[in-house]
C-alpha atoms as a PDB file:
ATOM      1  CA  MET A   1       0.000   0.000   0.000  1.00  0.00           C
ATOM      2  CA  VAL A   2       1.303   3.443  -0.876  1.00  0.00           C
ATOM      3  CA  ALA A   3       2.035   6.063   1.726  1.00  0.00           C
ATOM      4  CA  LYS A   4      -0.794   8.309   2.799  1.00  0.00           C
ATOM      5  CA  ALA A   5      -1.393  11.007   0.228  1.00  0.00           C
ATOM      6  CA  LYS A   6      -2.877  14.473   0.525  1.00  0.00           C
ATOM      7  CA  THR A   7      -6.139  15.044   2.355  1.00  0.00           C
ATOM      8  CA  ALA A   8      -9.188  14.342   0.224  1.00  0.00           C
ATOM      9  CA  SER A   9     -10.002  18.015  -0.265  1.00  0.00           C
ATOM     10  CA  LYS A  10      -6.529  18.712  -1.677  1.00  0.00           C
ATOM     11  CA  ILE A  11      -6.209  15.761  -4.051  1.00  0.00           C
ATOM     12  CA  THR A  12      -6.133  17.006  -7.634  1.00  0.00           C
ATOM     13  CA  ARG A  13      -6.721  15.351 -10.967  1.00  0.00           C
ATOM     14  CA  ALA A  14      -2.964  15.273 -11.545  1.00  0.00           C
ATOM     15  CA  ASP A  15      -2.482  13.553  -8.179  1.00  0.00           C
ATOM     16  CA  ILE A  16      -4.887  10.770  -9.154  1.00  0.00           C
ATOM     17  CA  VAL A  17      -3.177  10.275 -12.517  1.00  0.00           C
ATOM     18  CA  LYS A  18       0.221  10.038 -10.835  1.00  0.00           C
ATOM     19  CA  MET A  19      -1.118   7.597  -8.215  1.00  0.00           C
ATOM     20  CA  TYR A  20      -2.635   5.417 -10.937  1.00  0.00           C
ATOM     21  CA  MET A  21       0.539   5.312 -13.029  1.00  0.00           C
ATOM     22  CA  GLU A  22       2.586   4.346  -9.977  1.00  0.00           C
ATOM     23  CA  HIS A  23      -0.023   1.894  -8.731  1.00  0.00           C
ATOM     24  CA  VAL A  24      -0.172  -0.190 -11.914  1.00  0.00           C
ATOM     25  CA  LEU A  25       3.602  -0.430 -12.088  1.00  0.00           C
ATOM     26  CA  LEU A  26       3.930  -1.509  -8.456  1.00  0.00           C
ATOM     27  CA  HIS A  27       0.781  -3.574  -7.953  1.00  0.00           C
ATOM     28  CA  GLY A  28      -0.780  -4.182 -11.365  1.00  0.00           C
ATOM     29  CA  LEU A  29      -4.214  -3.171 -12.614  1.00  0.00           C
ATOM     30  CA  PRO A  30      -6.661  -2.311  -9.784  1.00  0.00           C
ATOM     31  CA  GLU A  31      -9.689  -4.582  -9.563  1.00  0.00           C
ATOM     32  CA  SER A  32     -12.069  -1.643  -9.217  1.00  0.00           C
ATOM     33  CA  VAL A  33     -12.321   2.060  -8.541  1.00  0.00           C
ATOM     34  CA  PHE A  34     -13.163   1.155  -4.949  1.00  0.00           C
ATOM     35  CA  SER A  35      -9.979  -0.869  -4.430  1.00  0.00           C
ATOM     36  CA  PHE A  36      -7.825   1.758  -6.158  1.00  0.00           C
ATOM     37  CA  CYS A  37      -9.238   4.537  -4.009  1.00  0.00           C
ATOM     38  CA  LYS A  38      -8.978   2.465  -0.840  1.00  0.00           C
ATOM     39  CA  GLU A  39      -5.345   1.600  -1.442  1.00  0.00           C
ATOM     40  CA  ASN A  40      -4.433   5.192  -2.285  1.00  0.00           C
ATOM     41  CA  ASN A  41      -6.477   6.978   0.380  1.00  0.00           C
ATOM     42  CA  ILE A  42      -8.783   8.673  -2.101  1.00  0.00           C
ATOM     43  CA  GLU A  43     -12.496   9.188  -1.597  1.00  0.00           C
ATOM     44  CA  GLU A  44     -14.488   7.668  -4.447  1.00  0.00           C
ATOM     45  CA  ALA A  45     -16.364  10.947  -4.861  1.00  0.00           C
ATOM     46  CA  THR A  46     -13.037  12.668  -5.511  1.00  0.00           C
ATOM     47  CA  PHE A  47     -12.108  10.106  -8.148  1.00  0.00           C
ATOM     48  CA  TYR A  48     -15.467  10.401  -9.911  1.00  0.00           C
ATOM     49  CA  LYS A  49     -15.153  14.171  -9.890  1.00  0.00           C
ATOM     50  CA  TYR A  50     -12.495  13.771 -12.572  1.00  0.00           C
ATOM     51  CA  PHE A  51     -12.985  10.325 -14.141  1.00  0.00           C
ATOM     52  CA  GLY A  52     -15.942   8.084 -14.912  1.00  0.00           C
ATOM     53  CA  SER A  53     -13.989   4.834 -14.654  1.00  0.00           C
ATOM     54  CA  LEU A  54     -10.502   3.351 -14.482  1.00  0.00           C
ATOM     55  CA  GLU A  55     -10.655   2.826 -18.235  1.00  0.00           C
ATOM     56  CA  GLY A  56     -11.558   6.475 -18.692  1.00  0.00           C
ATOM     57  CA  LEU A  57      -8.591   7.449 -16.553  1.00  0.00           C
ATOM     58  CA  LYS A  58      -6.254   5.296 -18.658  1.00  0.00           C
ATOM     59  CA  LYS A  59      -7.529   6.866 -21.890  1.00  0.00           C
ATOM     60  CA  SER A  60      -7.181  10.374 -20.473  1.00  0.00           C
ATOM     61  CA  ILE A  61      -3.473   9.863 -19.761  1.00  0.00           C
ATOM     62  CA  TRP A  62      -2.742   9.705 -23.489  1.00  0.00           C
ATOM     63  CA  ILE A  63      -4.748  12.866 -24.081  1.00  0.00           C
ATOM     64  CA  ASP A  64      -2.811  14.523 -21.259  1.00  0.00           C
ATOM     65  CA  PHE A  65       0.428  13.567 -23.010  1.00  0.00           C
ATOM     66  CA  PHE A  66      -0.754  15.280 -26.185  1.00  0.00           C
ATOM     67  CA  ASN A  67      -2.076  18.372 -24.416  1.00  0.00           C
ATOM     68  CA  HIS A  68       1.172  18.787 -22.500  1.00  0.00           C
ATOM     69  CA  VAL A  69       3.239  18.658 -25.694  1.00  0.00           C
ATOM     70  CA  ASP A  70       0.819  20.959 -27.512  1.00  0.00           C
ATOM     71  CA  GLU A  71       1.085  23.486 -24.689  1.00  0.00           C
ATOM     72  CA  LEU A  72       4.884  23.365 -24.736  1.00  0.00           C
ATOM     73  CA  LEU A  73       5.008  23.915 -28.489  1.00  0.00           C
ATOM     74  CA  SER A  74       2.462  26.732 -28.460  1.00  0.00           C
ATOM     75  CA  LYS A  75       4.683  28.641 -26.034  1.00  0.00           C
ATOM     76  CA  ASN A  76       7.709  28.316 -28.317  1.00  0.00           C
ATOM     77  CA  ALA A  77       7.970  31.395 -30.525  1.00  0.00           C
ATOM     78  CA  ASP A  78      10.334  29.642 -32.944  1.00  0.00           C
ATOM     79  CA  TYR A  79       7.917  26.731 -33.416  1.00  0.00           C
ATOM     80  CA  LEU A  80       5.136  29.083 -34.528  1.00  0.00           C
ATOM     81  CA  SER A  81       7.260  30.212 -37.474  1.00  0.00           C
ATOM     82  CA  TYR A  82       8.191  26.687 -38.597  1.00  0.00           C
ATOM     83  CA  SER A  83       7.000  25.086 -41.822  1.00  0.00           C
ATOM     84  CA  SER A  84       4.460  22.250 -41.577  1.00  0.00           C
ATOM     85  CA  ARG A  85       7.230  19.697 -42.052  1.00  0.00           C
ATOM     86  CA  GLU A  86       9.305  21.246 -39.249  1.00  0.00           C
ATOM     87  CA  LYS A  87       6.287  21.459 -36.956  1.00  0.00           C
ATOM     88  CA  LEU A  88       5.487  17.779 -37.423  1.00  0.00           C
ATOM     89  CA  LEU A  89       9.104  16.790 -36.809  1.00  0.00           C
ATOM     90  CA  THR A  90       9.224  18.928 -33.677  1.00  0.00           C
ATOM     91  CA  PHE A  91       5.929  17.509 -32.450  1.00  0.00           C
ATOM     92  CA  TYR A  92       7.109  13.913 -32.824  1.00  0.00           C
ATOM     93  CA  PHE A  93      10.515  14.551 -31.272  1.00  0.00           C
ATOM     94  CA  THR A  94       8.888  16.286 -28.287  1.00  0.00           C
ATOM     95  CA  PHE A  95       6.096  13.732 -27.907  1.00  0.00           C
ATOM     96  CA  PHE A  96       8.431  10.759 -27.877  1.00  0.00           C
ATOM     97  CA  GLU A  97      10.802  12.469 -25.486  1.00  0.00           C
ATOM     98  CA  MET A  98       7.865  12.715 -23.118  1.00  0.00           C
ATOM     99  CA  LEU A  99       6.900   9.088 -23.689  1.00  0.00           C
ATOM    100  CA  THR A 100      10.490   8.125 -22.921  1.00  0.00           C
ATOM    101  CA  ALA A 101      10.208   9.973 -19.606  1.00  0.00           C
ATOM    102  CA  ASN A 102       7.181   7.764 -18.865  1.00  0.00           C
ATOM    103  CA  ARG A 103       8.418   4.655 -20.709  1.00  0.00           C
ATOM    104  CA  SER A 104       7.743   2.129 -17.929  1.00  0.00           C
ATOM    105  CA  TYR A 105       4.083   3.132 -17.753  1.00  0.00           C
ATOM    106  CA  VAL A 106       3.628   3.358 -21.526  1.00  0.00           C
ATOM    107  CA  LEU A 107       5.109  -0.100 -22.116  1.00  0.00           C
ATOM    108  CA  TRP A 108       2.840  -1.472 -19.399  1.00  0.00           C
ATOM    109  CA  ALA A 109      -0.233   0.199 -20.901  1.00  0.00           C
ATOM    110  CA  LEU A 110       0.528  -1.126 -24.390  1.00  0.00           C
ATOM    111  CA  SER A 111       1.030  -4.723 -23.263  1.00  0.00           C
ATOM    112  CA  GLN A 112      -2.051  -5.425 -21.154  1.00  0.00           C
ATOM    113  CA  SER A 113      -3.611  -7.750 -23.707  1.00  0.00           C
ATOM    114  CA  ASP A 114      -2.247 -10.285 -26.170  1.00  0.00           C
ATOM    115  CA  ASN A 115      -4.634  -8.668 -28.627  1.00  0.00           C
ATOM    116  CA  LYS A 116      -2.854  -5.617 -30.071  1.00  0.00           C
ATOM    117  CA  PHE A 117      -6.153  -4.032 -31.096  1.00  0.00           C
ATOM    118  CA  GLU A 118      -7.405  -4.208 -27.506  1.00  0.00           C
ATOM    119  CA  ASN A 119      -4.303  -2.355 -26.349  1.00  0.00           C
ATOM    120  CA  LEU A 120      -4.906   0.358 -28.953  1.00  0.00           C
ATOM    121  CA  LYS A 121      -8.467   1.095 -27.753  1.00  0.00           C
ATOM    122  CA  GLN A 122      -7.087   3.367 -25.044  1.00  0.00           C
ATOM    123  CA  LEU A 123      -5.679   5.611 -27.793  1.00  0.00           C
ATOM    124  CA  GLY A 124      -9.098   6.627 -29.119  1.00  0.00           C
ATOM    125  CA  GLY A 125      -9.004  10.123 -27.675  1.00  0.00           C
ATOM    126  CA  LEU A 126      -5.370  10.611 -28.666  1.00  0.00           C
ATOM    127  CA  ARG A 127      -6.189   9.546 -32.219  1.00  0.00           C
ATOM    128  CA  LYS A 128      -8.702  12.399 -32.569  1.00  0.00           C
ATOM    129  CA  LYS A 129      -6.083  14.863 -31.328  1.00  0.00           C
ATOM    130  CA  VAL A 130      -3.364  13.644 -33.677  1.00  0.00           C
ATOM    131  CA  VAL A 131      -5.673  13.530 -36.712  1.00  0.00           C
ATOM    132  CA  ALA A 132      -6.849  17.086 -35.967  1.00  0.00           C
ATOM    133  CA  PHE A 133      -3.239  18.175 -35.564  1.00  0.00           C
ATOM    134  CA  GLY A 134      -2.354  16.729 -38.980  1.00  0.00           C
ATOM    135  CA  LYS A 135      -5.368  18.389 -40.572  1.00  0.00           C
ATOM    136  CA  ASP A 136      -4.451  21.758 -39.061  1.00  0.00           C
ATOM    137  CA  LEU A 137      -0.926  21.526 -40.440  1.00  0.00           C
ATOM    138  CA  VAL A 138      -2.045  20.752 -43.974  1.00  0.00           C
ATOM    139  CA  THR A 139      -4.822  23.374 -43.861  1.00  0.00           C
ATOM    140  CA  ILE A 140      -2.243  26.046 -43.083  1.00  0.00           C
ATOM    141  CA  ASP A 141       0.009  24.594 -45.774  1.00  0.00           C
ATOM    142  CA  ASN A 142      -2.810  24.726 -48.339  1.00  0.00           C
ATOM    143  CA  GLU A 143      -3.554  28.360 -47.568  1.00  0.00           C
ATOM    144  CA  ASP A 144      -0.082  29.207 -48.836  1.00  0.00           C
ATOM    145  CA  LYS A 145      -0.628  27.417 -52.151  1.00  0.00           C
ATOM    146  CA  LYS A 146      -2.367  29.241 -54.989  1.00  0.00           C
ATOM    147  CA  LEU A 147      -2.891  26.268 -57.303  1.00  0.00           C
ATOM    148  CA  LYS A 148      -5.565  23.772 -56.290  1.00  0.00           C
ATOM    149  CA  ILE A 149      -3.577  20.920 -57.818  1.00  0.00           C
ATOM    150  CA  THR A 150      -0.697  21.504 -55.384  1.00  0.00           C
ATOM    151  CA  LYS A 151      -2.918  21.430 -52.319  1.00  0.00           C
ATOM    152  CA  LYS A 152      -2.847  18.361 -50.069  1.00  0.00           C
ATOM    153  CA  PRO A 153      -6.088  16.462 -49.234  1.00  0.00           C
ATOM    154  CA  VAL A 154      -6.825  17.454 -45.641  1.00  0.00           C
ATOM    155  CA  ALA A 155      -8.694  14.302 -44.553  1.00  0.00           C
ATOM    156  CA  VAL A 156      -6.111  11.989 -46.095  1.00  0.00           C
ATOM    157  CA  VAL A 157      -3.206  13.766 -44.437  1.00  0.00           C
ATOM    158  CA  GLY A 158      -4.993  13.707 -41.083  1.00  0.00           C
ATOM    159  CA  GLU A 159      -5.404   9.933 -41.237  1.00  0.00           C
ATOM    160  CA  ALA A 160      -1.884   9.495 -42.598  1.00  0.00           C
ATOM    161  CA  THR A 161      -0.543  11.400 -39.606  1.00  0.00           C
ATOM    162  CA  TRP A 162      -2.237   8.945 -37.255  1.00  0.00           C
ATOM    163  CA  ILE A 163      -0.941   5.903 -39.130  1.00  0.00           C
ATOM    164  CA  GLN A 164       2.510   7.436 -39.097  1.00  0.00           C
ATOM    165  CA  PHE A 165       2.223   8.034 -35.354  1.00  0.00           C
ATOM    166  CA  LEU A 166       1.345   4.364 -34.761  1.00  0.00           C
ATOM    167  CA  PHE A 167       4.331   3.287 -36.838  1.00  0.00           C
ATOM    168  CA  ILE A 168       6.680   5.484 -34.815  1.00  0.00           C
ATOM    169  CA  LEU A 169       5.082   4.322 -31.561  1.00  0.00           C
ATOM    170  CA  LYS A 170       5.748   0.684 -32.453  1.00  0.00           C
ATOM    171  CA  PHE A 171       9.298   1.512 -33.515  1.00  0.00           C
ATOM    172  CA  TRP A 172       9.951   3.392 -30.260  1.00  0.00           C
ATOM    173  CA  LYS A 173       8.408   0.560 -28.237  1.00  0.00           C
ATOM    174  CA  ASP A 174      10.837  -1.953 -29.771  1.00  0.00           C
ATOM    175  CA  ASP A 175      13.845   0.388 -29.930  1.00  0.00           C
ATOM    176  CA  GLU A 176      16.793  -0.745 -27.809  1.00  0.00           C
ATOM    177  CA  SER A 177      19.324   1.781 -29.115  1.00  0.00           C
ATOM    178  CA  ALA A 178      21.082   4.144 -26.703  1.00  0.00           C
ATOM    179  CA  GLY A 179      19.038   7.275 -26.191  1.00  0.00           C
ATOM    180  CA  PHE A 180      16.490   5.835 -28.648  1.00  0.00           C
ATOM    181  CA  GLU A 181      18.556   7.359 -31.428  1.00  0.00           C
ATOM    182  CA  LYS A 182      17.097   4.956 -33.991  1.00  0.00           C
ATOM    183  CA  THR A 183      13.625   6.276 -33.197  1.00  0.00           C
ATOM    184  CA  ASP A 184      14.872   9.791 -33.968  1.00  0.00           C
ATOM    185  CA  VAL A 185      16.118   8.532 -37.337  1.00  0.00           C
ATOM    186  CA  ALA A 186      12.784   6.805 -38.011  1.00  0.00           C
ATOM    187  CA  ILE A 187      10.891  10.011 -37.190  1.00  0.00           C
ATOM    188  CA  GLU A 188      12.988  12.121 -39.526  1.00  0.00           C
ATOM    189  CA  LYS A 189      12.882   9.655 -42.412  1.00  0.00           C
ATOM    190  CA  SER A 190       9.150   8.940 -42.139  1.00  0.00           C
ATOM    191  CA  VAL A 191       8.143  12.616 -41.898  1.00  0.00           C
ATOM    192  CA  ASN A 192      10.363  13.608 -44.825  1.00  0.00           C
ATOM    193  CA  THR A 193       9.012  10.717 -46.887  1.00  0.00           C
ATOM    194  CA  VAL A 194       5.361  11.630 -46.274  1.00  0.00           C
ATOM    195  CA  PHE A 195       5.940  15.246 -47.223  1.00  0.00           C
ATOM    196  CA  ASP A 196       7.930  14.230 -50.297  1.00  0.00           C
ATOM    197  CA  VAL A 197       5.099  12.005 -51.459  1.00  0.00           C
ATOM    198  CA  PHE A 198       2.512  14.761 -51.119  1.00  0.00           C
ATOM    199  CA  ASP A 199       4.829  17.330 -52.657  1.00  0.00           C
ATOM    200  CA  ASN A 200       5.508  15.039 -55.652  1.00  0.00           C
ATOM    201  CA  THR A 201       9.268  15.243 -55.204  1.00  0.00           C
ATOM    202  CA  PRO A 202      11.695  12.439 -56.189  1.00  0.00           C
ATOM    203  CA  LEU A 203      11.167   9.170 -54.332  1.00  0.00           C
ATOM    204  CA  ASP A 204      14.735   8.778 -53.057  1.00  0.00           C
ATOM    205  CA  ASN A 205      13.521   9.254 -49.492  1.00  0.00           C
ATOM    206  CA  ILE A 206      10.948   6.477 -49.872  1.00  0.00           C
ATOM    207  CA  LEU A 207      13.682   4.061 -50.921  1.00  0.00           C
ATOM    208  CA  ASP A 208      15.859   5.342 -48.094  1.00  0.00           C
ATOM    209  CA  LEU A 209      13.082   4.755 -45.560  1.00  0.00           C
ATOM    210  CA  GLY A 210      12.385   1.295 -46.966  1.00  0.00           C
ATOM    211  CA  LYS A 211      16.037   0.291 -46.630  1.00  0.00           C
ATOM    212  CA  PHE A 212      16.106   1.609 -43.082  1.00  0.00           C
ATOM    213  CA  LEU A 213      12.973  -0.307 -42.088  1.00  0.00           C
ATOM    214  CA  TRP A 214      14.261  -3.496 -43.679  1.00  0.00           C
ATOM    215  CA  LYS A 215      17.552  -3.151 -41.834  1.00  0.00           C
ATOM    216  CA  GLU A 216      15.739  -2.684 -38.534  1.00  0.00           C
ATOM    217  CA  ARG A 217      13.272  -5.494 -39.341  1.00  0.00           C
ATOM    218  CA  VAL A 218      10.242  -3.279 -38.767  1.00  0.00           C
ATOM    219  CA  VAL A 219       8.639  -4.520 -41.951  1.00  0.00           C
ATOM    220  CA  ASP A 220       7.536  -8.160 -41.589  1.00  0.00           C
END
């Protein structure tokens, strides 16, 4: 059992999230909201003030990750002047740095079921955020293009951003390189490739990415 936390009136949403992340790593998944609250000295009413269920709490952690990164980037004056390609690169680098800081929890959360699709259900809220982020980037990009033929399809890019995120997430999850330097390479190559495809530039980067993935055995 964890040490006694703050008094019920002072327990915040962030406190509950932190307690949950520590609890699952030390004791495994709680059997119920009641048992989680009992073991962490939280009143159930306080828990339900912020979350509807343990599953809802787990899903919200991924959204919190996104919101934290989004807030950091929005405060960076340099980031606001970046191109769409640079913004996406910066977003991924920052997001996966944060995941690395919480790697033990993230690996636990992504390995709860032998069914990979079950593990991905918790990412539903994050998916909406990432897709919207991709759409916003391409919308801004399109506003700078005069010819309709050079504009990128917003919906397609939004979905492509999510698929790309899942690819990088899997790569990062399996990455055993020092400082996760191979994940950084994967981020750079995949982002450059996607933008090259939509910009109709030579496909050298696609071949480069394919060779890299084959070398790292990401492609089955």
